[in-house]
Amino acid sequence: MRLSLTRWLLSPATSWRARKLVAASKGRLDFDAAWRRARLVSCPDELPYQRYGHRAPDERET
């Protein structure tokens, strides 16, 4: 199952907000980045997870 489909099933409200952000950005923002941004609106305590997801793979090891 693709990550975007899993996110739609597990958190439809966040996914809906992310979809609106993607549409408003006119293609400059991908769904993954928009989903993380929308998620922080409702769950600001997840900021460390967002930062972890935006690191390069070799930086995640440490």
PDB file of N, CA and C in Angstrom:
ATOM      1  N   MET A   1       0.845  -1.166   0.000  1.00  0.00           N
ATOM      2  CA  MET A   1       0.000   0.000   0.000  1.00  0.00           C
ATOM      3  C   MET A   1       0.903   1.247   0.000  1.00  0.00           C
ATOM      4  N   ARG A   2       0.565   2.194  -0.799  1.00  0.00           N
ATOM      5  CA  ARG A   2       1.354   3.422  -0.892  1.00  0.00           C
ATOM      6  C   ARG A   2       1.173   4.270   0.363  1.00  0.00           C
ATOM      7  N   LEU A   3       2.209   5.055   0.661  1.00  0.00           N
ATOM      8  CA  LEU A   3       2.187   5.891   1.857  1.00  0.00           C
ATOM      9  C   LEU A   3       1.046   6.901   1.821  1.00  0.00           C
ATOM     10  N   SER A   4       0.801   7.508   0.673  1.00  0.00           N
ATOM     11  CA  SER A   4      -0.268   8.511   0.607  1.00  0.00           C
ATOM     12  C   SER A   4      -1.639   7.882   0.871  1.00  0.00           C
ATOM     13  N   LEU A   5      -1.865   6.678   0.378  1.00  0.00           N
ATOM     14  CA  LEU A   5      -3.137   5.997   0.639  1.00  0.00           C
ATOM     15  C   LEU A   5      -3.259   5.650   2.120  1.00  0.00           C
ATOM     16  N   THR A   6      -2.187   5.199   2.717  1.00  0.00           N
ATOM     17  CA  THR A   6      -2.194   4.884   4.143  1.00  0.00           C
ATOM     18  C   THR A   6      -2.515   6.128   4.956  1.00  0.00           C
ATOM     19  N   ARG A   7      -1.921   7.254   4.566  1.00  0.00           N
ATOM     20  CA  ARG A   7      -2.195   8.498   5.291  1.00  0.00           C
ATOM     21  C   ARG A   7      -3.657   8.910   5.144  1.00  0.00           C
ATOM     22  N   TRP A   8      -4.237   8.725   3.951  1.00  0.00           N
ATOM     23  CA  TRP A   8      -5.652   9.063   3.753  1.00  0.00           C
ATOM     24  C   TRP A   8      -6.533   8.205   4.658  1.00  0.00           C
ATOM     25  N   LEU A   9      -6.178   6.939   4.809  1.00  0.00           N
ATOM     26  CA  LEU A   9      -6.997   6.047   5.625  1.00  0.00           C
ATOM     27  C   LEU A   9      -6.848   6.322   7.116  1.00  0.00           C
ATOM     28  N   LEU A  10      -5.630   6.632   7.562  1.00  0.00           N
ATOM     29  CA  LEU A  10      -5.380   6.814   8.986  1.00  0.00           C
ATOM     30  C   LEU A  10      -5.685   8.224   9.491  1.00  0.00           C
ATOM     31  N   SER A  11      -5.541   9.198   8.635  1.00  0.00           N
ATOM     32  CA  SER A  11      -5.783  10.580   9.056  1.00  0.00           C
ATOM     33  C   SER A  11      -6.424  11.376   7.923  1.00  0.00           C
ATOM     34  N   PRO A  12      -7.704  11.156   7.681  1.00  0.00           N
ATOM     35  CA  PRO A  12      -8.353  11.826   6.553  1.00  0.00           C
ATOM     36  C   PRO A  12      -8.418  13.349   6.689  1.00  0.00           C
ATOM     37  N   ALA A  13      -8.569  13.875   7.893  1.00  0.00           N
ATOM     38  CA  ALA A  13      -8.648  15.331   8.053  1.00  0.00           C
ATOM     39  C   ALA A  13      -7.318  15.988   7.691  1.00  0.00           C
ATOM     40  N   THR A  14      -6.213  15.415   8.159  1.00  0.00           N
ATOM     41  CA  THR A  14      -4.896  15.948   7.819  1.00  0.00           C
ATOM     42  C   THR A  14      -4.647  15.821   6.328  1.00  0.00           C
ATOM     43  N   SER A  15      -5.031  14.716   5.749  1.00  0.00           N
ATOM     44  CA  SER A  15      -4.837  14.497   4.318  1.00  0.00           C
ATOM     45  C   SER A  15      -5.656  15.489   3.497  1.00  0.00           C
ATOM     46  N   TRP A  16      -6.864  15.798   3.957  1.00  0.00           N
ATOM     47  CA  TRP A  16      -7.702  16.764   3.247  1.00  0.00           C
ATOM     48  C   TRP A  16      -7.056  18.146   3.279  1.00  0.00           C
ATOM     49  N   ARG A  17      -6.544  18.542   4.454  1.00  0.00           N
ATOM     50  CA  ARG A  17      -5.854  19.827   4.559  1.00  0.00           C
ATOM     51  C   ARG A  17      -4.608  19.852   3.675  1.00  0.00           C
ATOM     52  N   ALA A  18      -3.893  18.731   3.625  1.00  0.00           N
ATOM     53  CA  ALA A  18      -2.694  18.647   2.771  1.00  0.00           C
ATOM     54  C   ALA A  18      -3.075  18.773   1.304  1.00  0.00           C
ATOM     55  N   ARG A  19      -4.154  18.157   0.914  1.00  0.00           N
ATOM     56  CA  ARG A  19      -4.613  18.254  -0.476  1.00  0.00           C
ATOM     57  C   ARG A  19      -4.946  19.693  -0.837  1.00  0.00           C
ATOM     58  N   LYS A  20      -5.568  20.411   0.089  1.00  0.00           N
ATOM     59  CA  LYS A  20      -5.878  21.817  -0.148  1.00  0.00           C
ATOM     60  C   LYS A  20      -4.598  22.647  -0.258  1.00  0.00           C
ATOM     61  N   LEU A  21      -3.578  22.334   0.547  1.00  0.00           N
ATOM     62  CA  LEU A  21      -2.301  23.041   0.456  1.00  0.00           C
ATOM     63  C   LEU A  21      -1.623  22.801  -0.888  1.00  0.00           C
ATOM     64  N   VAL A  22      -1.670  21.560  -1.364  1.00  0.00           N
ATOM     65  CA  VAL A  22      -1.081  21.235  -2.672  1.00  0.00           C
ATOM     66  C   VAL A  22      -1.794  22.007  -3.775  1.00  0.00           C
ATOM     67  N   ALA A  23      -3.113  22.040  -3.714  1.00  0.00           N
ATOM     68  CA  ALA A  23      -3.880  22.759  -4.735  1.00  0.00           C
ATOM     69  C   ALA A  23      -3.586  24.261  -4.694  1.00  0.00           C
ATOM     70  N   ALA A  24      -3.455  24.807  -3.500  1.00  0.00           N
ATOM     71  CA  ALA A  24      -3.183  26.239  -3.362  1.00  0.00           C
ATOM     72  C   ALA A  24      -1.780  26.608  -3.840  1.00  0.00           C
ATOM     73  N   SER A  25      -0.856  25.651  -3.742  1.00  0.00           N
ATOM     74  CA  SER A  25       0.524  25.937  -4.156  1.00  0.00           C
ATOM     75  C   SER A  25       0.721  25.792  -5.665  1.00  0.00           C
ATOM     76  N   LYS A  26      -0.306  25.324  -6.354  1.00  0.00           N
ATOM     77  CA  LYS A  26      -0.273  25.138  -7.813  1.00  0.00           C
ATOM     78  C   LYS A  26       0.905  24.272  -8.264  1.00  0.00           C
ATOM     79  N   GLY A  27       1.105  23.172  -7.540  1.00  0.00           N
ATOM     80  CA  GLY A  27       2.116  22.200  -7.941  1.00  0.00           C
ATOM     81  C   GLY A  27       3.518  22.424  -7.407  1.00  0.00           C
ATOM     82  N   ARG A  28       3.723  23.487  -6.654  1.00  0.00           N
ATOM     83  CA  ARG A  28       5.067  23.741  -6.119  1.00  0.00           C
ATOM     84  C   ARG A  28       5.353  22.929  -4.862  1.00  0.00           C
ATOM     85  N   LEU A  29       4.330  22.406  -4.210  1.00  0.00           N
ATOM     86  CA  LEU A  29       4.455  21.660  -2.970  1.00  0.00           C
ATOM     87  C   LEU A  29       3.953  20.239  -3.217  1.00  0.00           C
ATOM     88  N   ASP A  30       4.760  19.250  -2.874  1.00  0.00           N
ATOM     89  CA  ASP A  30       4.297  17.871  -3.063  1.00  0.00           C
ATOM     90  C   ASP A  30       3.431  17.442  -1.870  1.00  0.00           C
ATOM     91  N   PHE A  31       2.713  16.342  -2.051  1.00  0.00           N
ATOM     92  CA  PHE A  31       1.761  15.889  -1.044  1.00  0.00           C
ATOM     93  C   PHE A  31       2.446  15.554   0.265  1.00  0.00           C
ATOM     94  N   ASP A  32       3.621  14.943   0.221  1.00  0.00           N
ATOM     95  CA  ASP A  32       4.324  14.552   1.441  1.00  0.00           C
ATOM     96  C   ASP A  32       4.674  15.775   2.288  1.00  0.00           C
ATOM     97  N   ALA A  33       5.249  16.783   1.672  1.00  0.00           N
ATOM     98  CA  ALA A  33       5.602  18.002   2.407  1.00  0.00           C
ATOM     99  C   ALA A  33       4.351  18.716   2.916  1.00  0.00           C
ATOM    100  N   ALA A  34       3.312  18.742   2.110  1.00  0.00           N
ATOM    101  CA  ALA A  34       2.059  19.384   2.526  1.00  0.00           C
ATOM    102  C   ALA A  34       1.421  18.629   3.680  1.00  0.00           C
ATOM    103  N   TRP A  35       1.503  17.307   3.668  1.00  0.00           N
ATOM    104  CA  TRP A  35       0.926  16.512   4.739  1.00  0.00           C
ATOM    105  C   TRP A  35       1.642  16.792   6.054  1.00  0.00           C
ATOM    106  N   ARG A  36       2.967  16.868   5.991  1.00  0.00           N
ATOM    107  CA  ARG A  36       3.723  17.161   7.215  1.00  0.00           C
ATOM    108  C   ARG A  36       3.386  18.551   7.734  1.00  0.00           C
ATOM    109  N   ARG A  37       3.244  19.510   6.849  1.00  0.00           N
ATOM    110  CA  ARG A  37       2.899  20.876   7.259  1.00  0.00           C
ATOM    111  C   ARG A  37       1.504  20.911   7.870  1.00  0.00           C
ATOM    112  N   ALA A  38       0.553  20.226   7.258  1.00  0.00           N
ATOM    113  CA  ALA A  38      -0.814  20.193   7.779  1.00  0.00           C
ATOM    114  C   ALA A  38      -0.874  19.457   9.111  1.00  0.00           C
ATOM    115  N   ARG A  39      -0.061  18.448   9.258  1.00  0.00           N
ATOM    116  CA  ARG A  39      -0.042  17.676  10.501  1.00  0.00           C
ATOM    117  C   ARG A  39       0.405  18.526  11.680  1.00  0.00           C
ATOM    118  N   LEU A  40       1.353  19.423  11.453  1.00  0.00           N
ATOM    119  CA  LEU A  40       1.844  20.269  12.532  1.00  0.00           C
ATOM    120  C   LEU A  40       0.799  21.244  13.042  1.00  0.00           C
ATOM    121  N   VAL A  41      -0.173  21.568  12.202  1.00  0.00           N
ATOM    122  CA  VAL A  41      -1.241  22.468  12.643  1.00  0.00           C
ATOM    123  C   VAL A  41      -2.047  21.810  13.763  1.00  0.00           C
ATOM    124  N   SER A  42      -2.363  20.531  13.611  1.00  0.00           N
ATOM    125  CA  SER A  42      -3.176  19.851  14.612  1.00  0.00           C
ATOM    126  C   SER A  42      -2.343  19.158  15.688  1.00  0.00           C
ATOM    127  N   CYS A  43      -1.089  18.859  15.408  1.00  0.00           N
ATOM    128  CA  CYS A  43      -0.223  18.149  16.358  1.00  0.00           C
ATOM    129  C   CYS A  43       1.160  18.787  16.404  1.00  0.00           C
ATOM    130  N   PRO A  44       1.306  19.955  17.006  1.00  0.00           N
ATOM    131  CA  PRO A  44       2.598  20.640  16.993  1.00  0.00           C
ATOM    132  C   PRO A  44       3.705  19.879  17.729  1.00  0.00           C
ATOM    133  N   ASP A  45       3.339  18.947  18.581  1.00  0.00           N
ATOM    134  CA  ASP A  45       4.350  18.176  19.295  1.00  0.00           C
ATOM    135  C   ASP A  45       5.081  17.179  18.391  1.00  0.00           C
ATOM    136  N   GLU A  46       4.659  17.043  17.145  1.00  0.00           N
ATOM    137  CA  GLU A  46       5.308  16.132  16.204  1.00  0.00           C
ATOM    138  C   GLU A  46       6.410  16.807  15.377  1.00  0.00           C
ATOM    139  N   LEU A  47       6.819  17.999  15.761  1.00  0.00           N
ATOM    140  CA  LEU A  47       7.867  18.716  15.040  1.00  0.00           C
ATOM    141  C   LEU A  47       9.162  17.907  14.925  1.00  0.00           C
ATOM    142  N   PRO A  48       9.633  17.218  15.980  1.00  0.00           N
ATOM    143  CA  PRO A  48      10.863  16.426  15.812  1.00  0.00           C
ATOM    144  C   PRO A  48      10.742  15.343  14.740  1.00  0.00           C
ATOM    145  N   TYR A  49       9.560  14.754  14.595  1.00  0.00           N
ATOM    146  CA  TYR A  49       9.364  13.734  13.561  1.00  0.00           C
ATOM    147  C   TYR A  49       9.421  14.345  12.170  1.00  0.00           C
ATOM    148  N   GLN A  50       8.889  15.556  12.015  1.00  0.00           N
ATOM    149  CA  GLN A  50       8.949  16.236  10.724  1.00  0.00           C
ATOM    150  C   GLN A  50      10.397  16.535  10.368  1.00  0.00           C
ATOM    151  N   ARG A  51      11.147  17.040  11.320  1.00  0.00           N
ATOM    152  CA  ARG A  51      12.560  17.342  11.059  1.00  0.00           C
ATOM    153  C   ARG A  51      13.332  16.087  10.712  1.00  0.00           C
ATOM    154  N   TYR A  52      13.028  14.984  11.377  1.00  0.00           N
ATOM    155  CA  TYR A  52      13.692  13.715  11.088  1.00  0.00           C
ATOM    156  C   TYR A  52      13.395  13.273   9.658  1.00  0.00           C
ATOM    157  N   GLY A  53      12.178  13.447   9.199  1.00  0.00           N
ATOM    158  CA  GLY A  53      11.784  13.028   7.863  1.00  0.00           C
ATOM    159  C   GLY A  53      12.403  13.837   6.747  1.00  0.00           C
ATOM    160  N   HIS A  54      12.855  15.046   7.053  1.00  0.00           N
ATOM    161  CA  HIS A  54      13.436  15.908   6.027  1.00  0.00           C
ATOM    162  C   HIS A  54      14.958  15.838   5.985  1.00  0.00           C
ATOM    163  N   ARG A  55      15.547  14.961   6.770  1.00  0.00           N
ATOM    164  CA  ARG A  55      16.993  14.790   6.729  1.00  0.00           C
ATOM    165  C   ARG A  55      17.391  13.856   5.594  1.00  0.00           C
ATOM    166  N   ALA A  56      18.638  13.954   5.216  1.00  0.00           N
ATOM    167  CA  ALA A  56      19.182  13.017   4.229  1.00  0.00           C
ATOM    168  C   ALA A  56      19.289  11.643   4.904  1.00  0.00           C
ATOM    169  N   PRO A  57      19.174  10.548   4.146  1.00  0.00           N
ATOM    170  CA  PRO A  57      19.194   9.210   4.733  1.00  0.00           C
ATOM    171  C   PRO A  57      20.428   8.937   5.600  1.00  0.00           C
ATOM    172  N   ASP A  58      21.611   9.436   5.201  1.00  0.00           N
ATOM    173  CA  ASP A  58      22.800   9.164   6.006  1.00  0.00           C
ATOM    174  C   ASP A  58      22.804   9.927   7.325  1.00  0.00           C
ATOM    175  N   GLU A  59      22.068  11.021   7.431  1.00  0.00           N
ATOM    176  CA  GLU A  59      21.971  11.776   8.680  1.00  0.00           C
ATOM    177  C   GLU A  59      20.998  11.127   9.662  1.00  0.00           C
ATOM    178  N   ARG A  60      20.085  10.298   9.185  1.00  0.00           N
ATOM    179  CA  ARG A  60      19.096   9.652  10.053  1.00  0.00           C
ATOM    180  C   ARG A  60      19.726   8.567  10.927  1.00  0.00           C
ATOM    181  N   GLU A  61      20.834   8.062  10.538  1.00  0.00           N
ATOM    182  CA  GLU A  61      21.501   6.978  11.273  1.00  0.00           C
ATOM    183  C   GLU A  61      21.965   7.437  12.640  1.00  0.00           C
ATOM    184  N   THR A  62      22.339   8.702  12.767  1.00  0.00           N
ATOM    185  CA  THR A  62      22.926   9.181  14.031  1.00  0.00           C
ATOM    186  C   THR A  62      21.896   9.592  15.027  1.00  0.00           C
TER     187      THR A  62
END
